[in-house]
PDB file of N, CA and C in Angstrom:
ATOM      1  N   MET A   1       0.874  -1.218  -0.457  1.00  0.00           N
ATOM      2  CA  MET A   1       0.115   0.059  -0.107  1.00  0.00           C
ATOM      3  C   MET A   1       0.808   1.069   0.077  1.00  0.00           C
ATOM      4  N   GLY A   2       0.233   2.009  -0.997  1.00  0.00           N
ATOM      5  CA  GLY A   2       1.881   3.461  -1.390  1.00  0.00           C
ATOM      6  C   GLY A   2       0.506   4.412  -0.011  1.00  0.00           C
ATOM      7  N   ILE A   3       1.989   5.627   0.068  1.00  0.00           N
ATOM      8  CA  ILE A   3       1.822   6.334   0.956  1.00  0.00           C
ATOM      9  C   ILE A   3       0.311   7.069   0.944  1.00  0.00           C
ATOM     10  N   ARG A   4       0.352   7.446  -0.366  1.00  0.00           N
ATOM     11  CA  ARG A   4      -1.340   7.912  -0.645  1.00  0.00           C
ATOM     12  C   ARG A   4      -2.545   7.142  -0.022  1.00  0.00           C
ATOM     13  N   GLU A   5      -2.527   6.083  -0.452  1.00  0.00           N
ATOM     14  CA  GLU A   5      -3.929   5.221   0.486  1.00  0.00           C
ATOM     15  C   GLU A   5      -3.949   5.357   1.926  1.00  0.00           C
ATOM     16  N   ASN A   6      -2.644   5.219   2.290  1.00  0.00           N
ATOM     17  CA  ASN A   6      -2.211   5.217   3.852  1.00  0.00           C
ATOM     18  C   ASN A   6      -2.592   6.505   4.527  1.00  0.00           C
ATOM     19  N   LEU A   7      -2.497   7.595   3.549  1.00  0.00           N
ATOM     20  CA  LEU A   7      -3.048   8.873   4.303  1.00  0.00           C
ATOM     21  C   LEU A   7      -4.500   9.046   3.788  1.00  0.00           C
ATOM     22  N   VAL A   8      -5.073   8.283   2.977  1.00  0.00           N
ATOM     23  CA  VAL A   8      -6.545   8.245   2.848  1.00  0.00           C
ATOM     24  C   VAL A   8      -6.912   7.567   4.045  1.00  0.00           C
ATOM     25  N   LYS A   9      -6.354   6.740   4.362  1.00  0.00           N
ATOM     26  CA  LYS A   9      -7.514   5.974   5.585  1.00  0.00           C
ATOM     27  C   LYS A   9      -7.044   6.440   6.360  1.00  0.00           C
ATOM     28  N   MET A  10      -6.114   7.450   7.174  1.00  0.00           N
ATOM     29  CA  MET A  10      -5.527   8.061   8.616  1.00  0.00           C
ATOM     30  C   MET A  10      -6.617   9.097   8.324  1.00  0.00           C
ATOM     31  N   SER A  11      -6.833  10.062   7.187  1.00  0.00           N
ATOM     32  CA  SER A  11      -7.473  10.984   7.410  1.00  0.00           C
ATOM     33  C   SER A  11      -9.104  10.482   7.640  1.00  0.00           C
ATOM     34  N   ARG A  12      -9.236   9.511   7.303  1.00  0.00           N
ATOM     35  CA  ARG A  12     -10.617   8.752   7.083  1.00  0.00           C
ATOM     36  C   ARG A  12     -10.812   8.226   8.931  1.00  0.00           C
ATOM     37  N   GLY A  13     -10.017   8.507   9.658  1.00  0.00           N
ATOM     38  CA  GLY A  13      -9.594   7.666  10.775  1.00  0.00           C
ATOM     39  C   GLY A  13      -9.463   6.316  11.110  1.00  0.00           C
ATOM     40  N   MET A  14      -8.593   5.867   9.961  1.00  0.00           N
ATOM     41  CA  MET A  14      -8.238   4.451   9.502  1.00  0.00           C
ATOM     42  C   MET A  14      -6.680   4.237  10.072  1.00  0.00           C
ATOM     43  N   LYS A  15      -6.242   2.821  10.666  1.00  0.00           N
ATOM     44  CA  LYS A  15      -4.853   2.574  10.614  1.00  0.00           C
ATOM     45  C   LYS A  15      -5.029   1.257  10.423  1.00  0.00           C
ATOM     46  N   ASP A  16      -4.306   0.403   9.058  1.00  0.00           N
ATOM     47  CA  ASP A  16      -4.475  -0.770   9.005  1.00  0.00           C
ATOM     48  C   ASP A  16      -5.785  -1.014   9.097  1.00  0.00           C
ATOM     49  N   GLY A  17      -6.949  -0.404   8.533  1.00  0.00           N
ATOM     50  CA  GLY A  17      -8.096  -1.252   8.562  1.00  0.00           C
ATOM     51  C   GLY A  17      -9.113  -1.310   9.869  1.00  0.00           C
ATOM     52  N   LYS A  18      -8.335  -0.252  11.205  1.00  0.00           N
ATOM     53  CA  LYS A  18      -8.920  -0.073  12.233  1.00  0.00           C
ATOM     54  C   LYS A  18      -9.314   1.392  12.469  1.00  0.00           C
ATOM     55  N   SER A  19     -10.311   1.804  13.437  1.00  0.00           N
ATOM     56  CA  SER A  19     -10.609   2.935  13.263  1.00  0.00           C
ATOM     57  C   SER A  19      -9.273   3.178  14.133  1.00  0.00           C
ATOM     58  N   LEU A  20      -8.988   4.486  14.469  1.00  0.00           N
ATOM     59  CA  LEU A  20      -8.548   5.116  15.499  1.00  0.00           C
ATOM     60  C   LEU A  20      -8.493   4.758  16.724  1.00  0.00           C
ATOM     61  N   LYS A  21      -9.663   4.757  17.234  1.00  0.00           N
ATOM     62  CA  LYS A  21      -9.970   4.063  18.734  1.00  0.00           C
ATOM     63  C   LYS A  21      -9.738   2.534  19.230  1.00  0.00           C
ATOM     64  N   GLU A  22      -9.839   2.005  17.853  1.00  0.00           N
ATOM     65  CA  GLU A  22      -9.684   0.677  17.911  1.00  0.00           C
ATOM     66  C   GLU A  22      -8.138   0.340  18.042  1.00  0.00           C
ATOM     67  N   SER A  23      -7.376   1.346  17.489  1.00  0.00           N
ATOM     68  CA  SER A  23      -5.801   1.014  17.355  1.00  0.00           C
ATOM     69  C   SER A  23      -4.854   1.907  18.653  1.00  0.00           C
ATOM     70  N   ARG A  24      -5.824   1.977  19.571  1.00  0.00           N
ATOM     71  CA  ARG A  24      -5.465   2.515  20.965  1.00  0.00           C
ATOM     72  C   ARG A  24      -5.436   4.098  20.798  1.00  0.00           C
ATOM     73  N   ALA A  25      -5.463   4.525  19.774  1.00  0.00           N
ATOM     74  CA  ALA A  25      -5.068   6.087  19.592  1.00  0.00           C
ATOM     75  C   ALA A  25      -5.861   6.659  20.905  1.00  0.00           C
ATOM     76  N   PHE A  26      -6.872   6.263  21.256  1.00  0.00           N
ATOM     77  CA  PHE A  26      -7.075   7.589  22.186  1.00  0.00           C
ATOM     78  C   PHE A  26      -7.377   6.384  24.024  1.00  0.00           C
ATOM     79  N   GLY A  27      -5.944   6.752  24.650  1.00  0.00           N
ATOM     80  CA  GLY A  27      -5.374   6.012  25.511  1.00  0.00           C
ATOM     81  C   GLY A  27      -4.368   5.187  25.253  1.00  0.00           C
ATOM     82  N   ASP A  28      -3.560   4.888  26.602  1.00  0.00           N
ATOM     83  CA  ASP A  28      -2.024   4.102  26.296  1.00  0.00           C
ATOM     84  C   ASP A  28      -2.009   3.035  26.335  1.00  0.00           C
ATOM     85  N   PRO A  29      -1.012   2.722  25.328  1.00  0.00           N
ATOM     86  CA  PRO A  29      -1.369   1.276  24.824  1.00  0.00           C
ATOM     87  C   PRO A  29      -0.989   0.469  25.579  1.00  0.00           C
ATOM     88  N   LYS A  30      -0.340  -0.864  25.826  1.00  0.00           N
ATOM     89  CA  LYS A  30       0.327  -1.582  27.054  1.00  0.00           C
ATOM     90  C   LYS A  30       1.546  -2.053  26.426  1.00  0.00           C
ATOM     91  N   ILE A  31       2.484  -1.526  26.869  1.00  0.00           N
ATOM     92  CA  ILE A  31       3.852  -1.823  26.205  1.00  0.00           C
ATOM     93  C   ILE A  31       4.479  -2.595  27.068  1.00  0.00           C
ATOM     94  N   LYS A  32       5.944  -3.111  26.593  1.00  0.00           N
ATOM     95  CA  LYS A  32       6.769  -3.698  27.656  1.00  0.00           C
ATOM     96  C   LYS A  32       7.863  -3.171  27.335  1.00  0.00           C
ATOM     97  N   ILE A  33       8.707  -2.173  28.137  1.00  0.00           N
ATOM     98  CA  ILE A  33       9.963  -1.735  27.854  1.00  0.00           C
ATOM     99  C   ILE A  33      11.029  -2.554  27.886  1.00  0.00           C
ATOM    100  N   LEU A  34      11.951  -2.721  26.968  1.00  0.00           N
ATOM    101  CA  LEU A  34      12.787  -3.632  26.833  1.00  0.00           C
ATOM    102  C   LEU A  34      14.543  -2.936  26.975  1.00  0.00           C
ATOM    103  N   GLU A  35      14.588  -1.953  26.399  1.00  0.00           N
ATOM    104  CA  GLU A  35      15.902  -1.249  26.439  1.00  0.00           C
ATOM    105  C   GLU A  35      15.618   0.218  26.544  1.00  0.00           C
ATOM    106  N   LYS A  36      16.466   0.977  27.075  1.00  0.00           N
ATOM    107  CA  LYS A  36      16.293   2.577  26.744  1.00  0.00           C
ATOM    108  C   LYS A  36      18.278   2.702  27.251  1.00  0.00           C
ATOM    109  N   GLU A  37      18.189   3.793  26.597  1.00  0.00           N
ATOM    110  CA  GLU A  37      19.738   4.684  26.632  1.00  0.00           C
ATOM    111  C   GLU A  37      19.805   6.238  26.241  1.00  0.00           C
ATOM    112  N   TYR A  38      20.385   6.892  26.476  1.00  0.00           N
ATOM    113  CA  TYR A  38      20.140   8.296  26.396  1.00  0.00           C
ATOM    114  C   TYR A  38      21.591   8.814  25.483  1.00  0.00           C
ATOM    115  N   HIS A  39      21.287   9.340  24.509  1.00  0.00           N
ATOM    116  CA  HIS A  39      22.246   9.665  23.696  1.00  0.00           C
ATOM    117  C   HIS A  39      22.636  11.409  23.747  1.00  0.00           C
ATOM    118  N   ARG A  40      23.920  11.606  24.164  1.00  0.00           N
ATOM    119  CA  ARG A  40      23.870  13.036  24.390  1.00  0.00           C
ATOM    120  C   ARG A  40      24.099  13.806  22.880  1.00  0.00           C
ATOM    121  N   ASN A  41      24.366  13.182  21.828  1.00  0.00           N
ATOM    122  CA  ASN A  41      23.790  14.288  20.694  1.00  0.00           C
ATOM    123  C   ASN A  41      25.364  15.145  20.178  1.00  0.00           C
ATOM    124  N   GLY A  42      26.725  14.702  20.835  1.00  0.00           N
ATOM    125  CA  GLY A  42      27.501  15.173  20.659  1.00  0.00           C
ATOM    126  C   GLY A  42      28.130  16.275  21.720  1.00  0.00           C
ATOM    127  N   VAL A  43      28.683  17.095  21.298  1.00  0.00           N
ATOM    128  CA  VAL A  43      29.090  18.288  22.464  1.00  0.00           C
ATOM    129  C   VAL A  43      28.066  18.974  22.728  1.00  0.00           C
ATOM    130  N   SER A  44      27.667  20.043  21.627  1.00  0.00           N
ATOM    131  CA  SER A  44      26.474  20.923  21.805  1.00  0.00           C
ATOM    132  C   SER A  44      25.170  20.532  20.716  1.00  0.00           C
ATOM    133  N   GLY A  45      24.812  19.093  20.842  1.00  0.00           N
ATOM    134  CA  GLY A  45      23.168  19.103  20.068  1.00  0.00           C
ATOM    135  C   GLY A  45      22.402  18.627  21.268  1.00  0.00           C
ATOM    136  N   VAL A  46      21.111  18.638  20.995  1.00  0.00           N
ATOM    137  CA  VAL A  46      20.103  18.027  22.153  1.00  0.00           C
ATOM    138  C   VAL A  46      20.293  16.900  22.582  1.00  0.00           C
ATOM    139  N   GLY A  47      20.318  16.634  23.296  1.00  0.00           N
ATOM    140  CA  GLY A  47      20.374  15.325  23.685  1.00  0.00           C
ATOM    141  C   GLY A  47      19.247  14.305  24.011  1.00  0.00           C
ATOM    142  N   PHE A  48      19.036  13.115  23.393  1.00  0.00           N
ATOM    143  CA  PHE A  48      17.607  12.411  23.050  1.00  0.00           C
ATOM    144  C   PHE A  48      17.900  11.083  23.972  1.00  0.00           C
ATOM    145  N   ASN A  49      16.625  10.702  24.081  1.00  0.00           N
ATOM    146  CA  ASN A  49      16.946   9.303  25.123  1.00  0.00           C
ATOM    147  C   ASN A  49      15.959   8.426  23.738  1.00  0.00           C
ATOM    148  N   VAL A  50      16.250   6.903  23.771  1.00  0.00           N
ATOM    149  CA  VAL A  50      15.951   5.928  22.851  1.00  0.00           C
ATOM    150  C   VAL A  50      15.452   4.932  23.518  1.00  0.00           C
ATOM    151  N   VAL A  51      14.182   4.208  23.156  1.00  0.00           N
ATOM    152  CA  VAL A  51      13.981   3.493  24.036  1.00  0.00           C
ATOM    153  C   VAL A  51      13.150   2.548  23.200  1.00  0.00           C
ATOM    154  N   LYS A  52      13.837   0.729  23.331  1.00  0.00           N
ATOM    155  CA  LYS A  52      13.068  -0.053  22.726  1.00  0.00           C
ATOM    156  C   LYS A  52      12.202  -0.852  23.639  1.00  0.00           C
ATOM    157  N   PHE A  53      11.015  -0.894  23.002  1.00  0.00           N
ATOM    158  CA  PHE A  53       9.800  -1.589  23.541  1.00  0.00           C
ATOM    159  C   PHE A  53       8.784  -2.544  22.918  1.00  0.00           C
ATOM    160  N   LYS A  54       8.126  -3.221  23.609  1.00  0.00           N
ATOM    161  CA  LYS A  54       7.181  -4.023  22.951  1.00  0.00           C
ATOM    162  C   LYS A  54       5.699  -3.906  22.772  1.00  0.00           C
ATOM    163  N   ASP A  55       4.932  -3.580  21.348  1.00  0.00           N
ATOM    164  CA  ASP A  55       3.608  -3.368  21.596  1.00  0.00           C
ATOM    165  C   ASP A  55       3.076  -4.457  21.202  1.00  0.00           C
ATOM    166  N   PRO A  56       2.313  -5.136  22.281  1.00  0.00           N
ATOM    167  CA  PRO A  56       1.823  -6.487  21.490  1.00  0.00           C
ATOM    168  C   PRO A  56       0.972  -6.760  20.604  1.00  0.00           C
ATOM    169  N   ASP A  57       0.409  -5.325  19.905  1.00  0.00           N
ATOM    170  CA  ASP A  57       0.014  -5.290  18.688  1.00  0.00           C
ATOM    171  C   ASP A  57       0.710  -5.068  17.700  1.00  0.00           C
ATOM    172  N   GLU A  58       1.870  -4.201  17.716  1.00  0.00           N
ATOM    173  CA  GLU A  58       2.767  -3.665  16.725  1.00  0.00           C
ATOM    174  C   GLU A  58       3.828  -4.329  16.134  1.00  0.00           C
ATOM    175  N   GLY A  59       4.221  -5.223  17.469  1.00  0.00           N
ATOM    176  CA  GLY A  59       5.605  -5.553  17.698  1.00  0.00           C
ATOM    177  C   GLY A  59       6.735  -4.992  18.324  1.00  0.00           C
ATOM    178  N   GLU A  60       7.951  -5.225  17.862  1.00  0.00           N
ATOM    179  CA  GLU A  60       9.216  -4.497  18.826  1.00  0.00           C
ATOM    180  C   GLU A  60       9.128  -2.581  17.947  1.00  0.00           C
ATOM    181  N   MET A  61       9.286  -1.956  18.800  1.00  0.00           N
ATOM    182  CA  MET A  61       9.551  -0.817  18.310  1.00  0.00           C
ATOM    183  C   MET A  61      10.629   0.137  19.335  1.00  0.00           C
ATOM    184  N   VAL A  62      10.680   1.497  18.539  1.00  0.00           N
ATOM    185  CA  VAL A  62      11.319   2.358  19.084  1.00  0.00           C
ATOM    186  C   VAL A  62      11.142   3.260  18.851  1.00  0.00           C
ATOM    187  N   GLY A  63      11.266   4.262  20.316  1.00  0.00           N
ATOM    188  CA  GLY A  63      10.936   5.692  20.386  1.00  0.00           C
ATOM    189  C   GLY A  63      12.097   6.496  20.965  1.00  0.00           C
ATOM    190  N   ILE A  64      12.224   7.580  19.667  1.00  0.00           N
ATOM    191  CA  ILE A  64      12.994   8.189  20.271  1.00  0.00           C
ATOM    192  C   ILE A  64      12.333   9.776  20.833  1.00  0.00           C
ATOM    193  N   VAL A  65      12.711   9.859  22.164  1.00  0.00           N
ATOM    194  CA  VAL A  65      12.067  10.765  23.048  1.00  0.00           C
ATOM    195  C   VAL A  65      13.028  12.049  23.367  1.00  0.00           C
ATOM    196  N   PHE A  66      12.425  13.607  22.741  1.00  0.00           N
ATOM    197  CA  PHE A  66      13.495  14.558  22.845  1.00  0.00           C
ATOM    198  C   PHE A  66      13.090  15.293  23.939  1.00  0.00           C
ATOM    199  N   PRO A  67      13.633  16.105  24.426  1.00  0.00           N
ATOM    200  CA  PRO A  67      13.257  16.823  25.667  1.00  0.00           C
ATOM    201  C   PRO A  67      12.037  17.442  26.074  1.00  0.00           C
ATOM    202  N   THR A  68      11.746  18.317  24.672  1.00  0.00           N
ATOM    203  CA  THR A  68      10.334  18.856  24.560  1.00  0.00           C
ATOM    204  C   THR A  68       9.264  18.390  24.670  1.00  0.00           C
ATOM    205  N   LYS A  69       8.434  18.318  25.475  1.00  0.00           N
ATOM    206  CA  LYS A  69       7.042  17.447  25.602  1.00  0.00           C
ATOM    207  C   LYS A  69       6.397  17.615  24.005  1.00  0.00           C
ATOM    208  N   GLY A  70       5.828  16.686  23.458  1.00  0.00           N
ATOM    209  CA  GLY A  70       5.206  16.570  22.351  1.00  0.00           C
ATOM    210  C   GLY A  70       6.316  15.927  21.610  1.00  0.00           C
ATOM    211  N   CYS A  71       7.661  15.730  21.843  1.00  0.00           N
ATOM    212  CA  CYS A  71       8.360  15.657  20.658  1.00  0.00           C
ATOM    213  C   CYS A  71       9.086  14.180  20.871  1.00  0.00           C
ATOM    214  N   VAL A  72       7.994  13.213  20.150  1.00  0.00           N
ATOM    215  CA  VAL A  72       8.648  11.773  20.586  1.00  0.00           C
ATOM    216  C   VAL A  72       7.928  11.064  19.093  1.00  0.00           C
ATOM    217  N   ALA A  73       9.513  10.583  18.321  1.00  0.00           N
ATOM    218  CA  ALA A  73       9.170   9.620  17.246  1.00  0.00           C
ATOM    219  C   ALA A  73       9.028   8.370  17.467  1.00  0.00           C
ATOM    220  N   VAL A  74       8.352   7.872  16.732  1.00  0.00           N
ATOM    221  CA  VAL A  74       8.056   5.991  17.093  1.00  0.00           C
ATOM    222  C   VAL A  74       8.758   5.227  15.469  1.00  0.00           C
ATOM    223  N   PHE A  75       9.456   4.199  15.686  1.00  0.00           N
ATOM    224  CA  PHE A  75       9.169   3.136  14.593  1.00  0.00           C
ATOM    225  C   PHE A  75       9.292   1.962  15.398  1.00  0.00           C
ATOM    226  N   ASN A  76       8.552   1.228  14.101  1.00  0.00           N
ATOM    227  CA  ASN A  76       8.726  -0.297  14.157  1.00  0.00           C
ATOM    228  C   ASN A  76       9.939  -0.762  13.715  1.00  0.00           C
ATOM    229  N   LEU A  77      10.637  -1.658  14.631  1.00  0.00           N
ATOM    230  CA  LEU A  77      12.101  -2.132  14.271  1.00  0.00           C
ATOM    231  C   LEU A  77      12.244  -3.084  13.132  1.00  0.00           C
ATOM    232  N   GLU A  78      11.217  -3.896  13.009  1.00  0.00           N
ATOM    233  CA  GLU A  78      11.003  -4.520  11.816  1.00  0.00           C
ATOM    234  C   GLU A  78      11.316  -3.691  10.475  1.00  0.00           C
ATOM    235  N   LYS A  79      10.544  -3.059  10.287  1.00  0.00           N
ATOM    236  CA  LYS A  79      10.449  -2.297   9.307  1.00  0.00           C
ATOM    237  C   LYS A  79      11.485  -1.532   8.909  1.00  0.00           C
ATOM    238  N   LEU A  80      12.196  -0.621   9.886  1.00  0.00           N
ATOM    239  CA  LEU A  80      13.217  -0.237  10.187  1.00  0.00           C
ATOM    240  C   LEU A  80      14.619  -1.089   9.232  1.00  0.00           C
ATOM    241  N   ALA A  81      14.399  -2.423   9.871  1.00  0.00           N
ATOM    242  CA  ALA A  81      15.648  -3.295   9.576  1.00  0.00           C
ATOM    243  C   ALA A  81      15.234  -3.619   7.880  1.00  0.00           C
ATOM    244  N   GLN A  82      14.337  -3.377   7.797  1.00  0.00           N
ATOM    245  CA  GLN A  82      14.057  -3.498   6.042  1.00  0.00           C
ATOM    246  C   GLN A  82      14.534  -2.178   5.193  1.00  0.00           C
ATOM    247  N   GLY A  83      14.513  -1.152   5.933  1.00  0.00           N
ATOM    248  CA  GLY A  83      15.059   0.063   5.296  1.00  0.00           C
ATOM    249  C   GLY A  83      14.014   0.906   5.207  1.00  0.00           C
ATOM    250  N   ASP A  84      12.688   0.547   5.681  1.00  0.00           N
ATOM    251  CA  ASP A  84      11.252   1.391   5.499  1.00  0.00           C
ATOM    252  C   ASP A  84      11.173   2.607   6.372  1.00  0.00           C
ATOM    253  N   ILE A  85      11.341   3.746   5.899  1.00  0.00           N
ATOM    254  CA  ILE A  85      11.320   4.712   6.945  1.00  0.00           C
ATOM    255  C   ILE A  85      10.407   5.774   5.962  1.00  0.00           C
ATOM    256  N   GLU A  86       9.519   5.271   5.406  1.00  0.00           N
ATOM    257  CA  GLU A  86       8.078   5.900   4.556  1.00  0.00           C
ATOM    258  C   GLU A  86       6.890   6.194   5.690  1.00  0.00           C
ATOM    259  N   PHE A  87       6.698   7.748   5.194  1.00  0.00           N
ATOM    260  CA  PHE A  87       5.925   8.210   6.338  1.00  0.00           C
ATOM    261  C   PHE A  87       4.286   7.182   5.763  1.00  0.00           C
ATOM    262  N   GLY A  88       3.397   6.757   6.705  1.00  0.00           N
ATOM    263  CA  GLY A  88       2.724   6.136   6.432  1.00  0.00           C
ATOM    264  C   GLY A  88       2.691   4.976   6.382  1.00  0.00           C
ATOM    265  N   SER A  89       4.035   4.411   6.375  1.00  0.00           N
ATOM    266  CA  SER A  89       4.269   3.060   6.392  1.00  0.00           C
ATOM    267  C   SER A  89       4.925   2.582   7.522  1.00  0.00           C
ATOM    268  N   ASN A  90       5.685   3.310   8.063  1.00  0.00           N
ATOM    269  CA  ASN A  90       6.139   3.219   9.207  1.00  0.00           C
ATOM    270  C   ASN A  90       6.604   4.230   9.849  1.00  0.00           C
ATOM    271  N   SER A  91       5.201   5.137  10.459  1.00  0.00           N
ATOM    272  CA  SER A  91       5.241   6.097  11.126  1.00  0.00           C
ATOM    273  C   SER A  91       3.802   5.624  12.365  1.00  0.00           C
ATOM    274  N   TRP A  92       4.449   5.791  13.143  1.00  0.00           N
ATOM    275  CA  TRP A  92       3.763   5.802  14.062  1.00  0.00           C
ATOM    276  C   TRP A  92       2.933   7.039  15.227  1.00  0.00           C
ATOM    277  N   ARG A  93       1.859   7.422  15.977  1.00  0.00           N
ATOM    278  CA  ARG A  93       1.755   8.117  16.858  1.00  0.00           C
ATOM    279  C   ARG A  93       2.321   8.180  17.945  1.00  0.00           C
ATOM    280  N   GLY A  94       3.559   9.247  17.996  1.00  0.00           N
ATOM    281  CA  GLY A  94       4.565   9.269  19.208  1.00  0.00           C
ATOM    282  C   GLY A  94       3.745  10.099  20.398  1.00  0.00           C
ATOM    283  N   ASP A  95       2.634  10.409  20.268  1.00  0.00           N
ATOM    284  CA  ASP A  95       1.931  11.348  21.665  1.00  0.00           C
ATOM    285  C   ASP A  95       1.060  10.078  22.224  1.00  0.00           C
ATOM    286  N   ILE A  96       0.707   8.716  21.273  1.00  0.00           N
ATOM    287  CA  ILE A  96      -0.083   7.512  22.232  1.00  0.00           C
ATOM    288  C   ILE A  96       1.048   7.179  22.907  1.00  0.00           C
ATOM    289  N   TYR A  97       2.656   7.152  22.610  1.00  0.00           N
ATOM    290  CA  TYR A  97       3.269   6.155  23.465  1.00  0.00           C
ATOM    291  C   TYR A  97       4.121   7.240  24.526  1.00  0.00           C
ATOM    292  N   GLU A  98       4.155   8.544  24.189  1.00  0.00           N
ATOM    293  CA  GLU A  98       4.820   9.469  25.132  1.00  0.00           C
ATOM    294  C   GLU A  98       4.761   9.127  26.309  1.00  0.00           C
ATOM    295  N   THR A  99       3.675   9.089  27.176  1.00  0.00           N
ATOM    296  CA  THR A  99       3.486   9.244  29.052  1.00  0.00           C
ATOM    297  C   THR A  99       4.218   7.820  29.191  1.00  0.00           C
ATOM    298  N   GLN A 100       4.016   6.750  28.774  1.00  0.00           N
ATOM    299  CA  GLN A 100       4.550   5.629  28.978  1.00  0.00           C
ATOM    300  C   GLN A 100       6.091   5.636  28.861  1.00  0.00           C
ATOM    301  N   LEU A 101       6.775   6.074  27.612  1.00  0.00           N
ATOM    302  CA  LEU A 101       7.927   6.309  27.507  1.00  0.00           C
ATOM    303  C   LEU A 101       8.647   7.239  28.548  1.00  0.00           C
ATOM    304  N   ARG A 102       8.358   8.614  28.732  1.00  0.00           N
ATOM    305  CA  ARG A 102       8.836   9.726  29.347  1.00  0.00           C
ATOM    306  C   ARG A 102       8.810   8.817  30.663  1.00  0.00           C
ATOM    307  N   ALA A 103       7.819   8.016  31.108  1.00  0.00           N
ATOM    308  CA  ALA A 103       7.793   7.222  32.500  1.00  0.00           C
ATOM    309  C   ALA A 103       9.050   6.102  32.788  1.00  0.00           C
ATOM    310  N   ALA A 104       9.191   5.967  31.509  1.00  0.00           N
ATOM    311  CA  ALA A 104      10.268   4.438  31.740  1.00  0.00           C
ATOM    312  C   ALA A 104      11.827   5.361  31.507  1.00  0.00           C
ATOM    313  N   ILE A 105      11.806   6.400  30.737  1.00  0.00           N
ATOM    314  CA  ILE A 105      12.994   7.049  31.267  1.00  0.00           C
ATOM    315  C   ILE A 105      13.559   7.694  32.706  1.00  0.00           C
ATOM    316  N   ARG A 106      12.341   7.955  33.155  1.00  0.00           N
ATOM    317  CA  ARG A 106      12.125   8.533  34.567  1.00  0.00           C
ATOM    318  C   ARG A 106      12.722   7.683  35.554  1.00  0.00           C
ATOM    319  N   ASP A 107      12.518   6.108  35.672  1.00  0.00           N
ATOM    320  CA  ASP A 107      12.692   5.013  36.370  1.00  0.00           C
ATOM    321  C   ASP A 107      13.896   4.639  35.992  1.00  0.00           C
ATOM    322  N   PRO A 108      15.062   4.742  36.686  1.00  0.00           N
ATOM    323  CA  PRO A 108      16.339   4.483  36.600  1.00  0.00           C
ATOM    324  C   PRO A 108      16.363   2.979  36.924  1.00  0.00           C
ATOM    325  N   GLU A 109      16.112   2.290  37.401  1.00  0.00           N
ATOM    326  CA  GLU A 109      16.195   0.789  37.886  1.00  0.00           C
ATOM    327  C   GLU A 109      16.553   0.006  36.981  1.00  0.00           C
ATOM    328  N   GLY A 110      17.799  -0.426  37.115  1.00  0.00           N
ATOM    329  CA  GLY A 110      18.495  -1.291  36.410  1.00  0.00           C
ATOM    330  C   GLY A 110      19.283  -0.746  35.768  1.00  0.00           C
ATOM    331  N   ASP A 111      19.194   0.637  35.192  1.00  0.00           N
ATOM    332  CA  ASP A 111      19.827   1.323  34.171  1.00  0.00           C
ATOM    333  C   ASP A 111      20.464   2.574  34.746  1.00  0.00           C
ATOM    334  N   GLU A 112      21.637   2.867  35.284  1.00  0.00           N
ATOM    335  CA  GLU A 112      22.048   3.643  36.044  1.00  0.00           C
ATOM    336  C   GLU A 112      22.740   4.967  34.461  1.00  0.00           C
ATOM    337  N   GLU A 113      22.822   4.439  33.458  1.00  0.00           N
ATOM    338  CA  GLU A 113      23.349   5.519  32.575  1.00  0.00           C
ATOM    339  C   GLU A 113      22.433   5.971  31.833  1.00  0.00           C
ATOM    340  N   VAL A 114      21.051   5.991  32.226  1.00  0.00           N
ATOM    341  CA  VAL A 114      19.971   6.707  31.387  1.00  0.00           C
ATOM    342  C   VAL A 114      19.436   7.429  32.095  1.00  0.00           C
ATOM    343  N   GLU A 115      19.964   8.870  30.948  1.00  0.00           N
ATOM    344  CA  GLU A 115      19.429  10.223  31.810  1.00  0.00           C
ATOM    345  C   GLU A 115      17.826  10.274  31.726  1.00  0.00           C
ATOM    346  N   GLU A 116      17.581  11.461  32.726  1.00  0.00           N
ATOM    347  CA  GLU A 116      15.933  11.579  32.534  1.00  0.00           C
ATOM    348  C   GLU A 116      15.648  12.801  31.394  1.00  0.00           C
ATOM    349  N   THR A 117      14.733  12.747  30.782  1.00  0.00           N
ATOM    350  CA  THR A 117      14.488  13.770  30.113  1.00  0.00           C
ATOM    351  C   THR A 117      13.560  14.514  30.334  1.00  0.00           C
ATOM    352  N   THR A 118      13.575  15.931  30.229  1.00  0.00           N
ATOM    353  CA  THR A 118      12.651  17.115  31.070  1.00  0.00           C
ATOM    354  C   THR A 118      12.196  17.838  29.726  1.00  0.00           C
ATOM    355  N   SER A 119      10.931  18.044  30.248  1.00  0.00           N
ATOM    356  CA  SER A 119       9.587  18.996  29.375  1.00  0.00           C
ATOM    357  C   SER A 119      10.347  20.446  29.823  1.00  0.00           C
ATOM    358  N   ARG A 120      10.298  21.102  28.387  1.00  0.00           N
ATOM    359  CA  ARG A 120      10.675  22.445  28.457  1.00  0.00           C
ATOM    360  C   ARG A 120       9.883  23.300  28.498  1.00  0.00           C
TER     361      ARG A 120
END
């Protein structure tokens, strides 16, 4: 399915044949955190956190969490491994994962190197 077809479905409130409500766009999905790591992004760049997690419906995912609230990118790892970075194919609503990803970043249990991302 091409980007145009995906955009039409999304504009009609559909994702992979499911309504946005059915795809859990309204409420926190049940995810399991697998790994998390802070990247300082060089000497003067804005640092960010990377969180690898499992969504029971979508598989293994990776979230890129920037310091500013609302700035979260989410990708499916299997699709990334296949080189798929296309919008509408490997694009996910970071806002539905943001609360849980930021909570995972703040929880240092077992991972002392992870730094907290703060909202500005």
